[in-house]
Amino acid sequence: MPTHSHTFVEKYDGMVGFGFNRETDERTVIYYLQKFSDDALMQAMVGRMTDAELCQIFDLLSDLLRRHLSESEYHRLFLKASHHH
């Protein structure tokens, strides 16, 4: 059974747009990130991205993970580790 899930993008039928309200903004970010991380899309894009673009994405995501998750949440939710020492 897969460890990761991307079901939101498959089920969401609401508005996709940014700047309307906080709830729509949050859902749009989830929608965009799940669409963006699609294996076929990433395979097409990652080789075309500059070193700076790759670094920018990595730094942004790493910073957000550090700021908004505890160490145990990082291991459980991001790394999908069943236990952490």
C-alpha atoms as a PDB file:
ATOM      1  CA  MET A   1       0.000   0.000   0.000  1.00  0.00           C
ATOM      2  CA  PRO A   2       1.377   3.448  -0.884  1.00  0.00           C
ATOM      3  CA  THR A   3       2.765   5.541   1.943  1.00  0.00           C
ATOM      4  CA  HIS A   4       1.914   8.884   0.348  1.00  0.00           C
ATOM      5  CA  SER A   5      -1.511  10.162  -0.593  1.00  0.00           C
ATOM      6  CA  HIS A   6      -2.630  12.835  -2.997  1.00  0.00           C
ATOM      7  CA  THR A   7      -6.380  12.377  -2.826  1.00  0.00           C
ATOM      8  CA  PHE A   8      -7.390  16.008  -2.325  1.00  0.00           C
ATOM      9  CA  VAL A   9      -6.694  16.905  -5.955  1.00  0.00           C
ATOM     10  CA  GLU A  10      -8.676  13.879  -7.132  1.00  0.00           C
ATOM     11  CA  LYS A  11     -11.778  14.758  -5.095  1.00  0.00           C
ATOM     12  CA  TYR A  12     -11.798  18.567  -4.884  1.00  0.00           C
ATOM     13  CA  ASP A  13     -14.434  20.214  -7.043  1.00  0.00           C
ATOM     14  CA  GLY A  14     -14.389  23.677  -5.508  1.00  0.00           C
ATOM     15  CA  MET A  15     -13.030  26.938  -6.814  1.00  0.00           C
ATOM     16  CA  VAL A  16      -9.326  27.100  -7.687  1.00  0.00           C
ATOM     17  CA  GLY A  17      -8.085  30.631  -7.390  1.00  0.00           C
ATOM     18  CA  PHE A  18      -6.066  32.813  -5.098  1.00  0.00           C
ATOM     19  CA  GLY A  19      -6.997  35.982  -3.223  1.00  0.00           C
ATOM     20  CA  PHE A  20     -10.722  35.324  -2.765  1.00  0.00           C
ATOM     21  CA  ASN A  21     -10.633  34.191   0.870  1.00  0.00           C
ATOM     22  CA  ARG A  22      -8.397  32.223   3.229  1.00  0.00           C
ATOM     23  CA  GLU A  23     -10.292  28.928   2.826  1.00  0.00           C
ATOM     24  CA  THR A  24     -10.111  29.035  -0.979  1.00  0.00           C
ATOM     25  CA  ASP A  25      -6.445  30.116  -0.816  1.00  0.00           C
ATOM     26  CA  GLU A  26      -5.597  27.115   1.395  1.00  0.00           C
ATOM     27  CA  ARG A  27      -7.444  24.689  -0.862  1.00  0.00           C
ATOM     28  CA  THR A  28      -5.854  26.189  -3.965  1.00  0.00           C
ATOM     29  CA  VAL A  29      -2.358  25.767  -2.500  1.00  0.00           C
ATOM     30  CA  ILE A  30      -3.086  22.093  -1.705  1.00  0.00           C
ATOM     31  CA  TYR A  31      -4.528  21.615  -5.205  1.00  0.00           C
ATOM     32  CA  TYR A  32      -1.548  23.274  -6.909  1.00  0.00           C
ATOM     33  CA  LEU A  33       1.055  21.417  -4.848  1.00  0.00           C
ATOM     34  CA  GLN A  34      -0.567  18.052  -5.503  1.00  0.00           C
ATOM     35  CA  LYS A  35      -0.855  18.789  -9.227  1.00  0.00           C
ATOM     36  CA  PHE A  36       2.718  20.115  -9.280  1.00  0.00           C
ATOM     37  CA  SER A  37       4.144  17.015  -7.575  1.00  0.00           C
ATOM     38  CA  ASP A  38       2.603  14.621 -10.105  1.00  0.00           C
ATOM     39  CA  ASP A  39       5.299  12.170 -11.213  1.00  0.00           C
ATOM     40  CA  ALA A  40       4.851  12.806 -14.963  1.00  0.00           C
ATOM     41  CA  LEU A  41       4.846  16.586 -14.537  1.00  0.00           C
ATOM     42  CA  MET A  42       7.919  16.547 -12.307  1.00  0.00           C
ATOM     43  CA  GLN A  43       9.766  14.255 -14.718  1.00  0.00           C
ATOM     44  CA  ALA A  44       9.055  16.739 -17.530  1.00  0.00           C
ATOM     45  CA  MET A  45       9.990  19.833 -15.507  1.00  0.00           C
ATOM     46  CA  VAL A  46      12.831  19.011 -13.126  1.00  0.00           C
ATOM     47  CA  GLY A  47      15.477  18.621 -15.836  1.00  0.00           C
ATOM     48  CA  ARG A  48      14.470  21.968 -17.328  1.00  0.00           C
ATOM     49  CA  MET A  49      14.749  23.866 -14.061  1.00  0.00           C
ATOM     50  CA  THR A  50      17.850  25.875 -13.307  1.00  0.00           C
ATOM     51  CA  ASP A  51      20.041  25.121 -10.308  1.00  0.00           C
ATOM     52  CA  ALA A  52      18.702  28.322  -8.727  1.00  0.00           C
ATOM     53  CA  GLU A  53      15.077  27.223  -9.266  1.00  0.00           C
ATOM     54  CA  LEU A  54      15.761  23.811  -7.736  1.00  0.00           C
ATOM     55  CA  CYS A  55      17.463  25.486  -4.770  1.00  0.00           C
ATOM     56  CA  GLN A  56      14.611  27.981  -4.366  1.00  0.00           C
ATOM     57  CA  ILE A  57      11.974  25.232  -4.181  1.00  0.00           C
ATOM     58  CA  PHE A  58      14.070  23.095  -1.831  1.00  0.00           C
ATOM     59  CA  ASP A  59      14.851  26.042   0.467  1.00  0.00           C
ATOM     60  CA  LEU A  60      11.213  27.214   0.591  1.00  0.00           C
ATOM     61  CA  LEU A  61       9.852  23.760   1.413  1.00  0.00           C
ATOM     62  CA  SER A  62      12.587  23.027   3.953  1.00  0.00           C
ATOM     63  CA  ASP A  63      11.986  26.356   5.689  1.00  0.00           C
ATOM     64  CA  LEU A  64       8.226  25.785   5.854  1.00  0.00           C
ATOM     65  CA  LEU A  65       8.709  22.304   7.291  1.00  0.00           C
ATOM     66  CA  ARG A  66      11.110  23.645   9.950  1.00  0.00           C
ATOM     67  CA  ARG A  67       8.809  26.521  10.924  1.00  0.00           C
ATOM     68  CA  HIS A  68       5.496  24.684  11.056  1.00  0.00           C
ATOM     69  CA  LEU A  69       6.225  21.123  12.190  1.00  0.00           C
ATOM     70  CA  SER A  70       7.662  19.763  15.400  1.00  0.00           C
ATOM     71  CA  GLU A  71      10.466  17.235  15.017  1.00  0.00           C
ATOM     72  CA  SER A  72       8.065  14.347  15.676  1.00  0.00           C
ATOM     73  CA  GLU A  73       5.551  15.711  13.134  1.00  0.00           C
ATOM     74  CA  TYR A  74       8.352  16.072  10.576  1.00  0.00           C
ATOM     75  CA  HIS A  75       9.333  12.424  11.017  1.00  0.00           C
ATOM     76  CA  ARG A  76       5.751  11.137  11.086  1.00  0.00           C
ATOM     77  CA  LEU A  77       4.108  13.339   8.445  1.00  0.00           C
ATOM     78  CA  PHE A  78       6.926  14.202   6.041  1.00  0.00           C
ATOM     79  CA  LEU A  79       9.408  11.348   6.345  1.00  0.00           C
ATOM     80  CA  LYS A  80       6.606   8.829   7.024  1.00  0.00           C
ATOM     81  CA  ALA A  81       8.767   7.213   9.703  1.00  0.00           C
ATOM     82  CA  SER A  82       6.839   4.913  11.995  1.00  0.00           C
ATOM     83  CA  HIS A  83       9.085   5.793  14.916  1.00  0.00           C
ATOM     84  CA  HIS A  84      11.829   8.281  15.680  1.00  0.00           C
ATOM     85  CA  HIS A  85      14.738   7.936  18.083  1.00  0.00           C
END
